[in-house]
Amino acid sequence: MRRHWAALLVVLALGACQRAEAPQRVDPARYDQFFLWAGVPPAPALARAREVYILGGEIRRGGTARLVDMRAGLPHVRRAKIWLTVRAERLDWDARVWDAIRAMLERWRAAGNRLEGLQIDFDAATPGLDRYRAFLEQVRRELPPGTRLSITGLLDWSANGDPAELARLAGLVDEVVIQTYQGRTTIPGYATWFRRIDTLPLTHKIALVEGGEWTPPAALARDPRFAGYVVFLLRPPSPAGPGPRRP
């Protein structure tokens, strides 16, 4: 009988562990920082948002570099801090691009928003962090004084990035938001890339996709520079086309 009860306790303990480790779906109602992309209707969770990263423009491949305005009108956010996000497919920004970005920053601020700063959404390859750093040095020179700077980063920055280059980035940017998804789904095996996230030498947030799977990696519990999660909000899928692109 004792062996029977011991075996039962082991089974129950294993079941509890499995339940605890099962990934959870990302529910925006549990978070207070969000990405809001063009074409995505405001979600109820935005009513309690603390910070919102709003796609304001894109700089696309092909032709002359220019800032493409992605919004029909100015955002008017009274409660939350907001970031102007610019999605970039190229880094050869000229004076006209910078004039347009500074003008957009000023319009958003003049509309009464609590504008936190500029976020650049660019997929900088880990082996090319030195070149990206050189671009960000120019960004700092071009931004109005007091404007904070946020960037997005790839999963493998903490795992494979040059520690010296990452440390130099820490002196240029105020934060990096690490992406964990492609399209509408979480990247499989994301936990492997987060084993050393607590060694990333700059303030960082983790970007999750609405409805995606997520189990917090153990390293986050001891991570002194982890600054929370940002949820990428989705619009419902429709026959007319796919959801918004990944930031």
Protein backbone atom coordinates (compact mmCIF):
# COMPACT_ATOMS: atom_id res chain seq x y z
CA MET A 1 0.00 0.00 0.00
CA ARG A 2 2.84 2.39 0.84
CA ARG A 3 4.42 1.66 -2.53
CA HIS A 4 1.06 2.36 -4.19
CA TRP A 5 0.75 5.78 -2.54
CA ALA A 6 4.38 6.64 -3.28
CA ALA A 7 3.88 5.84 -6.95
CA LEU A 8 0.70 7.92 -7.02
CA LEU A 9 2.51 10.91 -5.50
CA VAL A 10 5.25 10.67 -8.11
CA VAL A 11 2.66 10.64 -10.90
CA LEU A 12 0.90 13.67 -9.41
CA ALA A 13 4.18 15.55 -9.00
CA LEU A 14 5.17 14.86 -12.59
CA GLY A 15 1.77 16.00 -13.79
CA ALA A 16 2.10 19.23 -11.81
CA CYS A 17 5.54 19.89 -13.33
CA GLN A 18 4.22 19.31 -16.81
CA ARG A 19 1.34 21.68 -16.20
CA ALA A 20 3.70 24.34 -14.83
CA GLU A 21 6.02 24.05 -17.82
CA ALA A 22 3.30 24.07 -20.47
CA PRO A 23 3.56 27.25 -22.58
CA GLN A 24 0.86 29.84 -22.10
CA ARG A 25 -0.87 31.84 -24.82
CA VAL A 26 -0.03 35.54 -24.80
CA ASP A 27 -3.13 37.42 -23.64
CA PRO A 28 -2.82 41.21 -24.11
CA ALA A 29 -5.02 41.76 -21.05
CA ARG A 30 -2.11 40.61 -18.87
CA TYR A 31 0.36 43.20 -20.20
CA ASP A 32 0.74 46.98 -20.34
CA GLN A 33 3.22 47.62 -23.19
CA PHE A 34 2.26 47.13 -26.83
CA PHE A 35 3.26 47.44 -30.48
CA LEU A 36 0.47 49.04 -32.54
CA TRP A 37 1.00 48.57 -36.27
CA ALA A 38 -0.79 50.19 -39.18
CA GLY A 39 -4.21 48.69 -39.90
CA VAL A 40 -4.63 47.16 -36.43
CA PRO A 41 -7.75 48.42 -34.62
CA PRO A 42 -7.24 49.59 -31.03
CA ALA A 43 -7.56 46.68 -28.60
CA PRO A 44 -9.33 46.94 -25.23
CA ALA A 45 -5.96 46.33 -23.53
CA LEU A 46 -4.72 49.69 -24.82
CA ALA A 47 -7.01 51.44 -22.33
CA ARG A 48 -4.64 50.38 -19.55
CA ALA A 49 -1.40 50.67 -21.51
CA ARG A 50 1.69 52.15 -19.91
CA GLU A 51 3.73 52.42 -23.13
CA VAL A 52 2.78 51.99 -26.79
CA TYR A 53 5.16 51.67 -29.74
CA ILE A 54 3.27 53.05 -32.73
CA LEU A 55 4.37 52.47 -36.31
CA GLY A 56 4.60 55.93 -37.81
CA GLY A 57 6.64 55.39 -40.96
CA GLU A 58 8.69 53.05 -43.11
CA ILE A 59 11.89 53.45 -45.10
CA ARG A 60 11.67 50.88 -47.87
CA ARG A 61 14.04 49.25 -50.31
CA GLY A 62 14.17 50.51 -53.86
CA GLY A 63 14.50 53.97 -55.29
CA THR A 64 15.57 56.96 -53.25
CA ALA A 65 15.42 56.57 -49.48
CA ARG A 66 12.38 58.37 -48.07
CA LEU A 67 10.09 58.19 -45.06
CA VAL A 68 6.68 56.76 -45.96
CA ASP A 69 3.99 57.94 -43.54
CA MET A 70 1.98 54.91 -42.36
CA ARG A 71 -0.80 56.68 -40.49
CA ALA A 72 -3.88 58.46 -41.79
CA GLY A 73 -3.69 61.01 -38.97
CA LEU A 74 -1.80 61.95 -35.85
CA PRO A 75 -2.07 59.66 -32.82
CA HIS A 76 -3.72 61.19 -29.77
CA VAL A 77 -2.77 59.17 -26.68
CA ARG A 78 -3.33 60.89 -23.38
CA ARG A 79 -2.50 58.30 -20.74
CA ALA A 80 0.37 56.15 -22.02
CA LYS A 81 3.85 57.09 -23.10
CA ILE A 82 4.34 56.52 -26.81
CA TRP A 83 7.27 55.79 -29.10
CA LEU A 84 7.40 56.74 -32.76
CA THR A 85 8.50 53.53 -34.49
CA VAL A 86 10.14 53.71 -37.91
CA ARG A 87 10.48 50.40 -39.73
CA ALA A 88 13.62 50.38 -41.88
CA GLU A 89 14.67 48.11 -44.74
CA ARG A 90 17.80 50.19 -45.47
CA LEU A 91 20.21 52.43 -43.58
CA ASP A 92 21.36 54.90 -46.25
CA TRP A 93 19.32 57.73 -44.75
CA ASP A 94 20.02 61.18 -46.16
CA ALA A 95 19.20 64.69 -44.97
CA ARG A 96 15.66 64.51 -46.40
CA VAL A 97 14.90 61.38 -44.38
CA TRP A 98 16.17 62.98 -41.20
CA ASP A 99 14.24 66.17 -41.81
CA ALA A 100 11.06 64.08 -42.23
CA ILE A 101 11.70 62.08 -39.04
CA ARG A 102 12.37 65.20 -36.98
CA ALA A 103 9.22 66.81 -38.37
CA MET A 104 7.15 63.72 -37.53
CA LEU A 105 8.53 63.66 -33.98
CA GLU A 106 7.59 67.30 -33.56
CA ARG A 107 4.06 66.79 -34.92
CA TRP A 108 3.43 63.87 -32.59
CA ARG A 109 4.71 65.83 -29.61
CA ALA A 110 2.72 68.95 -30.54
CA ALA A 111 -0.47 66.85 -30.66
CA GLY A 112 -0.25 66.48 -26.90
CA ASN A 113 1.22 62.98 -26.75
CA ARG A 114 3.68 61.90 -24.08
CA LEU A 115 6.33 61.17 -26.68
CA GLU A 116 9.10 59.03 -25.22
CA GLY A 117 11.34 58.95 -28.28
CA LEU A 118 12.17 57.20 -31.55
CA GLN A 119 12.33 53.46 -32.09
CA ILE A 120 14.13 52.03 -35.12
CA ASP A 121 12.86 48.64 -36.24
CA PHE A 122 15.65 47.09 -38.31
CA ASP A 123 16.78 43.47 -38.54
CA ALA A 124 20.48 44.02 -37.86
CA ALA A 125 22.33 40.74 -38.41
CA THR A 126 24.38 39.67 -35.40
CA PRO A 127 27.69 39.45 -37.34
CA GLY A 128 27.12 43.03 -38.57
CA LEU A 129 26.60 44.75 -35.24
CA ASP A 130 29.68 46.92 -35.79
CA ARG A 131 28.14 48.41 -38.94
CA TYR A 132 24.81 48.91 -37.21
CA ARG A 133 26.56 50.67 -34.33
CA ALA A 134 28.14 53.11 -36.80
CA PHE A 135 24.67 53.91 -38.15
CA LEU A 136 23.31 54.43 -34.62
CA GLU A 137 26.11 56.87 -33.88
CA GLN A 138 24.74 58.97 -36.75
CA VAL A 139 21.22 58.58 -35.35
CA ARG A 140 22.33 60.08 -32.06
CA ARG A 141 23.84 63.07 -33.87
CA GLU A 142 20.65 63.66 -35.89
CA LEU A 143 18.04 63.31 -33.13
CA PRO A 144 16.88 66.40 -31.23
CA PRO A 145 18.49 66.72 -27.78
CA GLY A 146 16.66 64.74 -25.10
CA THR A 147 15.08 62.28 -27.56
CA ARG A 148 15.37 58.71 -26.29
CA LEU A 149 16.34 55.94 -28.70
CA SER A 150 14.96 52.39 -28.80
CA ILE A 151 15.89 49.66 -31.28
CA THR A 152 14.62 46.18 -32.03
CA GLY A 153 16.97 43.22 -31.85
CA LEU A 154 17.15 39.60 -32.97
CA LEU A 155 16.94 36.54 -30.75
CA ASP A 156 20.56 35.55 -31.16
CA TRP A 157 22.08 38.87 -30.04
CA SER A 158 22.43 37.65 -26.46
CA ALA A 159 23.59 34.19 -27.52
CA ASN A 160 26.05 35.03 -30.31
CA GLY A 161 26.61 38.78 -30.28
CA ASP A 162 30.11 40.18 -29.75
CA PRO A 163 30.14 41.29 -26.07
CA ALA A 164 32.29 44.30 -26.91
CA GLU A 165 29.91 45.49 -29.63
CA LEU A 166 26.89 44.95 -27.41
CA ALA A 167 28.55 47.00 -24.69
CA ARG A 168 29.15 49.83 -27.18
CA LEU A 169 25.47 49.72 -28.14
CA ALA A 170 24.63 50.22 -24.47
CA GLY A 171 26.25 53.63 -24.70
CA LEU A 172 24.17 54.63 -27.72
CA VAL A 173 20.64 53.33 -27.18
CA ASP A 174 18.29 53.53 -24.22
CA GLU A 175 16.86 50.06 -24.79
CA VAL A 176 16.58 47.13 -27.18
CA VAL A 177 13.36 45.15 -27.71
CA ILE A 178 14.19 41.53 -28.57
CA GLN A 179 11.78 39.95 -31.10
CA THR A 180 10.55 36.39 -30.41
CA TYR A 181 8.21 35.83 -33.36
CA GLN A 182 7.78 35.84 -37.11
CA GLY A 183 4.44 36.74 -38.60
CA ARG A 184 1.73 35.59 -36.21
CA THR A 185 3.66 32.85 -34.40
CA THR A 186 6.39 32.48 -31.81
CA ILE A 187 9.76 31.29 -33.15
CA PRO A 188 10.21 27.60 -32.19
CA GLY A 189 13.00 26.86 -29.71
CA TYR A 190 13.14 30.44 -28.42
CA ALA A 191 14.23 29.26 -24.96
CA THR A 192 17.60 28.14 -26.36
CA TRP A 193 18.44 31.70 -27.36
CA PHE A 194 17.62 33.08 -23.91
CA ARG A 195 20.03 30.98 -21.86
CA ARG A 196 22.39 33.95 -21.59
CA ILE A 197 19.89 36.81 -21.77
CA ASP A 198 20.96 37.97 -18.29
CA THR A 199 24.41 38.79 -19.71
CA LEU A 200 23.08 41.24 -22.32
CA PRO A 201 24.76 44.51 -21.23
CA LEU A 202 21.96 46.95 -22.08
CA THR A 203 18.39 47.53 -20.97
CA HIS A 204 16.13 45.13 -22.85
CA LYS A 205 12.51 44.18 -23.25
CA ILE A 206 11.03 41.03 -24.79
CA ALA A 207 8.54 41.35 -27.65
CA LEU A 208 5.78 38.71 -27.72
CA VAL A 209 3.11 38.19 -30.35
CA GLU A 210 -0.56 38.22 -29.34
CA GLY A 211 -1.81 34.64 -29.05
CA GLY A 212 1.70 33.20 -29.35
CA GLU A 213 3.21 30.68 -26.96
CA TRP A 214 5.44 31.85 -24.15
CA THR A 215 7.14 30.34 -21.11
CA PRO A 216 9.52 32.74 -19.31
CA PRO A 217 13.11 31.48 -19.54
CA ALA A 218 14.79 30.87 -16.19
CA ALA A 219 17.50 33.46 -16.93
CA LEU A 220 14.95 36.29 -16.84
CA ALA A 221 14.44 35.76 -13.11
CA ARG A 222 18.06 36.80 -12.46
CA ASP A 223 18.26 39.40 -15.24
CA PRO A 224 18.95 42.89 -13.79
CA ARG A 225 18.37 44.73 -17.09
CA PHE A 226 15.11 43.06 -18.10
CA ALA A 227 12.48 45.83 -18.43
CA GLY A 228 9.32 43.89 -19.24
CA TYR A 229 7.33 42.61 -22.20
CA VAL A 230 5.92 44.35 -25.27
CA VAL A 231 2.99 42.59 -26.98
CA PHE A 232 2.63 42.89 -30.75
CA LEU A 233 -1.10 43.28 -31.32
CA LEU A 234 -2.69 41.52 -34.30
CA ARG A 235 -5.75 42.25 -36.37
CA PRO A 236 -8.07 39.29 -36.89
CA PRO A 237 -7.14 37.25 -39.98
CA SER A 238 -9.36 37.79 -42.99
CA PRO A 239 -9.63 36.47 -46.58
CA ALA A 240 -8.46 39.89 -47.78
CA GLY A 241 -4.88 39.25 -46.72
CA PRO A 242 -2.45 38.36 -43.94
CA GLY A 243 -2.03 40.15 -40.65
CA PRO A 244 0.45 42.98 -40.12
CA ARG A 245 4.13 42.43 -40.75
CA ARG A 246 6.48 41.67 -37.91
CA PRO A 247 8.15 44.76 -36.49
